[in-house]
N, C-alpha and C. Protein backbone atom coordinates (compact mmCIF):
# COMPACT_ATOMS: atom_id res chain seq x y z
N MET A 1 96.83 125.61 67.69
CA MET A 1 97.98 124.76 67.52
C MET A 1 98.98 125.04 68.64
N ASP A 2 99.60 123.96 69.12
CA ASP A 2 100.64 124.10 70.14
C ASP A 2 101.99 124.03 69.47
N LEU A 3 102.92 124.78 70.01
CA LEU A 3 104.28 124.79 69.50
C LEU A 3 105.22 124.78 70.69
N ILE A 4 106.12 123.82 70.72
CA ILE A 4 107.08 123.73 71.82
C ILE A 4 108.42 124.25 71.32
N VAL A 5 108.96 125.21 72.04
CA VAL A 5 110.22 125.84 71.68
C VAL A 5 111.17 125.72 72.86
N THR A 6 112.38 125.27 72.61
CA THR A 6 113.39 125.19 73.66
C THR A 6 114.15 126.50 73.67
N VAL A 7 114.16 127.14 74.84
CA VAL A 7 114.77 128.47 74.98
C VAL A 7 115.87 128.38 76.03
N PRO A 8 117.06 128.93 75.75
CA PRO A 8 118.12 128.95 76.75
C PRO A 8 117.65 129.70 78.01
N ASP A 9 118.14 129.26 79.15
CA ASP A 9 117.72 129.85 80.42
C ASP A 9 117.87 131.36 80.47
N ASP A 10 118.94 131.88 79.87
CA ASP A 10 119.17 133.32 79.96
C ASP A 10 118.25 134.13 79.04
N ARG A 11 117.45 133.47 78.20
CA ARG A 11 116.55 134.18 77.28
C ARG A 11 115.08 133.98 77.59
N VAL A 12 114.76 133.20 78.61
CA VAL A 12 113.37 132.85 78.92
C VAL A 12 112.52 134.09 79.16
N ASN A 13 112.98 134.99 79.99
CA ASN A 13 112.19 136.18 80.30
C ASN A 13 111.92 137.02 79.06
N PHE A 14 112.94 137.18 78.21
CA PHE A 14 112.78 137.95 76.98
C PHE A 14 111.72 137.31 76.07
N VAL A 15 111.80 136.00 75.89
CA VAL A 15 110.85 135.31 75.01
C VAL A 15 109.44 135.38 75.57
N LYS A 16 109.29 135.21 76.88
CA LYS A 16 107.96 135.33 77.49
C LYS A 16 107.37 136.72 77.26
N LYS A 17 108.18 137.74 77.48
CA LYS A 17 107.71 139.11 77.29
C LYS A 17 107.30 139.35 75.83
N LEU A 18 108.11 138.87 74.91
CA LEU A 18 107.81 139.02 73.49
C LEU A 18 106.50 138.34 73.11
N LEU A 19 106.29 137.13 73.61
CA LEU A 19 105.05 136.41 73.29
C LEU A 19 103.83 137.09 73.90
N ARG A 20 103.99 137.64 75.09
CA ARG A 20 102.87 138.37 75.71
C ARG A 20 102.53 139.62 74.91
N GLU A 21 103.55 140.29 74.40
CA GLU A 21 103.33 141.48 73.56
C GLU A 21 102.55 141.13 72.30
N LEU A 22 102.71 139.91 71.82
CA LEU A 22 101.98 139.44 70.63
C LEU A 22 100.64 138.80 70.99
N ASN A 23 100.24 138.95 72.27
CA ASN A 23 98.99 138.38 72.78
C ASN A 23 98.91 136.86 72.60
N LEU A 24 100.02 136.21 72.83
CA LEU A 24 100.07 134.74 72.77
C LEU A 24 100.23 134.20 74.18
N SER A 25 99.58 133.09 74.46
CA SER A 25 99.69 132.51 75.80
C SER A 25 101.02 131.77 75.94
N VAL A 26 101.52 131.76 77.15
CA VAL A 26 102.79 131.12 77.45
C VAL A 26 102.57 130.15 78.59
N LYS A 27 102.94 128.90 78.37
CA LYS A 27 102.91 127.93 79.46
C LYS A 27 104.12 127.03 79.32
N PRO A 28 104.78 126.71 80.43
CA PRO A 28 105.98 125.87 80.35
C PRO A 28 105.60 124.44 79.97
N ALA A 29 106.49 123.76 79.27
CA ALA A 29 106.27 122.36 78.91
C ALA A 29 106.36 121.52 80.18
N LYS A 30 105.74 120.36 80.15
CA LYS A 30 105.80 119.45 81.29
C LYS A 30 107.23 118.98 81.49
N ALA A 31 107.57 118.74 82.73
CA ALA A 31 108.94 118.33 83.06
C ALA A 31 109.31 117.02 82.38
N ALA A 32 108.36 116.15 82.14
CA ALA A 32 108.66 114.85 81.52
C ALA A 32 109.18 115.01 80.10
N LYS A 33 108.86 116.10 79.45
CA LYS A 33 109.29 116.30 78.07
C LYS A 33 110.66 116.97 77.98
N GLN A 34 111.20 117.39 79.12
CA GLN A 34 112.48 118.06 79.10
C GLN A 34 113.61 117.04 78.92
N ARG A 35 114.65 117.48 78.28
CA ARG A 35 115.80 116.62 78.02
C ARG A 35 116.54 116.36 79.33
N PRO A 36 116.92 115.09 79.59
CA PRO A 36 117.66 114.82 80.82
C PRO A 36 119.05 115.43 80.75
N SER A 37 119.57 115.79 81.90
CA SER A 37 120.90 116.40 81.93
C SER A 37 121.96 115.32 81.69
N ALA A 38 123.08 115.73 81.18
CA ALA A 38 124.17 114.80 80.91
C ALA A 38 124.81 114.34 82.22
N LEU A 39 125.39 113.15 82.19
CA LEU A 39 126.06 112.64 83.38
C LEU A 39 127.41 113.33 83.55
N SER A 40 127.76 113.58 84.79
CA SER A 40 129.08 114.15 85.07
C SER A 40 130.13 113.05 84.86
N VAL A 41 131.39 113.45 84.84
CA VAL A 41 132.48 112.49 84.65
C VAL A 41 132.46 111.47 85.79
N ALA A 42 132.24 111.94 87.00
CA ALA A 42 132.21 111.04 88.16
C ALA A 42 131.06 110.04 88.03
N GLN A 43 129.89 110.51 87.57
CA GLN A 43 128.75 109.61 87.39
C GLN A 43 129.02 108.61 86.29
N GLN A 44 129.68 109.03 85.21
CA GLN A 44 130.03 108.12 84.13
C GLN A 44 130.98 107.04 84.62
N GLN A 45 131.96 107.42 85.43
CA GLN A 45 132.91 106.46 85.97
C GLN A 45 132.22 105.47 86.91
N GLN A 46 131.30 105.98 87.72
CA GLN A 46 130.56 105.12 88.64
C GLN A 46 129.70 104.13 87.86
N LEU A 47 129.05 104.58 86.81
CA LEU A 47 128.22 103.71 85.98
C LEU A 47 129.08 102.65 85.30
N ALA A 48 130.23 103.04 84.76
CA ALA A 48 131.12 102.10 84.09
C ALA A 48 131.61 101.03 85.07
N LYS A 49 131.93 101.45 86.29
CA LYS A 49 132.39 100.51 87.32
C LYS A 49 131.28 99.53 87.70
N ALA A 50 130.06 100.02 87.83
CA ALA A 50 128.93 99.15 88.17
C ALA A 50 128.65 98.15 87.06
N LEU A 51 128.74 98.61 85.81
CA LEU A 51 128.53 97.70 84.67
C LEU A 51 129.63 96.64 84.60
N GLU A 52 130.86 97.04 84.84
CA GLU A 52 131.98 96.08 84.87
C GLU A 52 131.74 95.01 85.91
N HIS A 53 131.33 95.43 87.10
CA HIS A 53 131.07 94.51 88.19
C HIS A 53 129.94 93.53 87.81
N SER A 54 128.89 94.05 87.21
CA SER A 54 127.76 93.22 86.81
C SER A 54 128.17 92.20 85.76
N LEU A 55 128.94 92.64 84.77
CA LEU A 55 129.41 91.72 83.73
C LEU A 55 130.32 90.64 84.31
N HIS A 56 131.15 91.02 85.26
CA HIS A 56 132.02 90.04 85.92
C HIS A 56 131.18 88.99 86.65
N GLN A 57 130.12 89.43 87.32
CA GLN A 57 129.25 88.48 88.02
C GLN A 57 128.56 87.54 87.03
N VAL A 58 128.14 88.04 85.88
CA VAL A 58 127.52 87.20 84.86
C VAL A 58 128.51 86.16 84.37
N GLU A 59 129.77 86.56 84.13
CA GLU A 59 130.80 85.62 83.70
C GLU A 59 131.01 84.52 84.73
N LEU A 60 131.09 84.91 86.00
CA LEU A 60 131.26 83.92 87.06
C LEU A 60 130.07 82.98 87.13
N HIS A 61 128.88 83.50 86.93
CA HIS A 61 127.67 82.67 86.94
C HIS A 61 127.71 81.68 85.77
N GLN A 62 128.12 82.13 84.59
CA GLN A 62 128.20 81.26 83.43
C GLN A 62 129.25 80.17 83.61
N GLN A 63 130.29 80.45 84.39
CA GLN A 63 131.33 79.47 84.67
C GLN A 63 130.92 78.52 85.80
N GLY A 64 129.78 78.81 86.43
CA GLY A 64 129.28 77.96 87.52
C GLY A 64 129.94 78.24 88.86
N LYS A 65 130.65 79.34 88.97
CA LYS A 65 131.35 79.67 90.21
C LYS A 65 130.46 80.34 91.24
N ILE A 66 129.42 81.03 90.79
CA ILE A 66 128.46 81.66 91.70
C ILE A 66 127.05 81.40 91.18
N THR A 67 126.09 81.55 92.07
CA THR A 67 124.68 81.42 91.69
C THR A 67 124.01 82.77 91.84
N LEU A 68 123.37 83.22 90.80
CA LEU A 68 122.66 84.49 90.84
C LEU A 68 121.16 84.23 91.03
N PRO A 69 120.47 85.12 91.73
CA PRO A 69 119.02 84.93 91.91
C PRO A 69 118.29 85.09 90.57
N SER A 70 117.16 84.41 90.46
CA SER A 70 116.36 84.55 89.24
C SER A 70 115.65 85.91 89.23
N ALA A 71 115.15 86.28 88.09
CA ALA A 71 114.41 87.55 87.96
C ALA A 71 113.20 87.51 88.87
N TYR A 72 112.55 86.35 88.97
CA TYR A 72 111.36 86.24 89.82
C TYR A 72 111.70 86.47 91.28
N ASP A 73 112.85 85.93 91.73
CA ASP A 73 113.28 86.15 93.12
C ASP A 73 113.56 87.63 93.37
N SER A 74 114.20 88.27 92.41
CA SER A 74 114.50 89.70 92.56
C SER A 74 113.23 90.53 92.61
N LEU A 75 112.24 90.18 91.77
CA LEU A 75 110.97 90.91 91.78
C LEU A 75 110.21 90.69 93.07
N ASP A 76 110.31 89.49 93.64
CA ASP A 76 109.64 89.22 94.90
C ASP A 76 110.17 90.10 96.03
N GLU A 77 111.44 90.46 95.97
CA GLU A 77 112.03 91.32 96.99
C GLU A 77 111.49 92.74 96.89
N VAL A 78 111.09 93.14 95.70
CA VAL A 78 110.59 94.49 95.51
C VAL A 78 109.17 94.50 95.95
């Protein structure tokens, strides 16, 4: 059976040593399963500003003041 345990960085060495003493194998979890780090205040502000700008563009598009590219056009650029 596999068991995934989240261990604080300052305790990793202790837990590894303890598990080895109990003759248990230790392998780190894949990076994809790790929790993403929280956004900094600056990153949160940048994200909020980008979302505000996007919503403003959608409002202008709905009012007929600007034309936005279709999803297909955007995918073609990628």
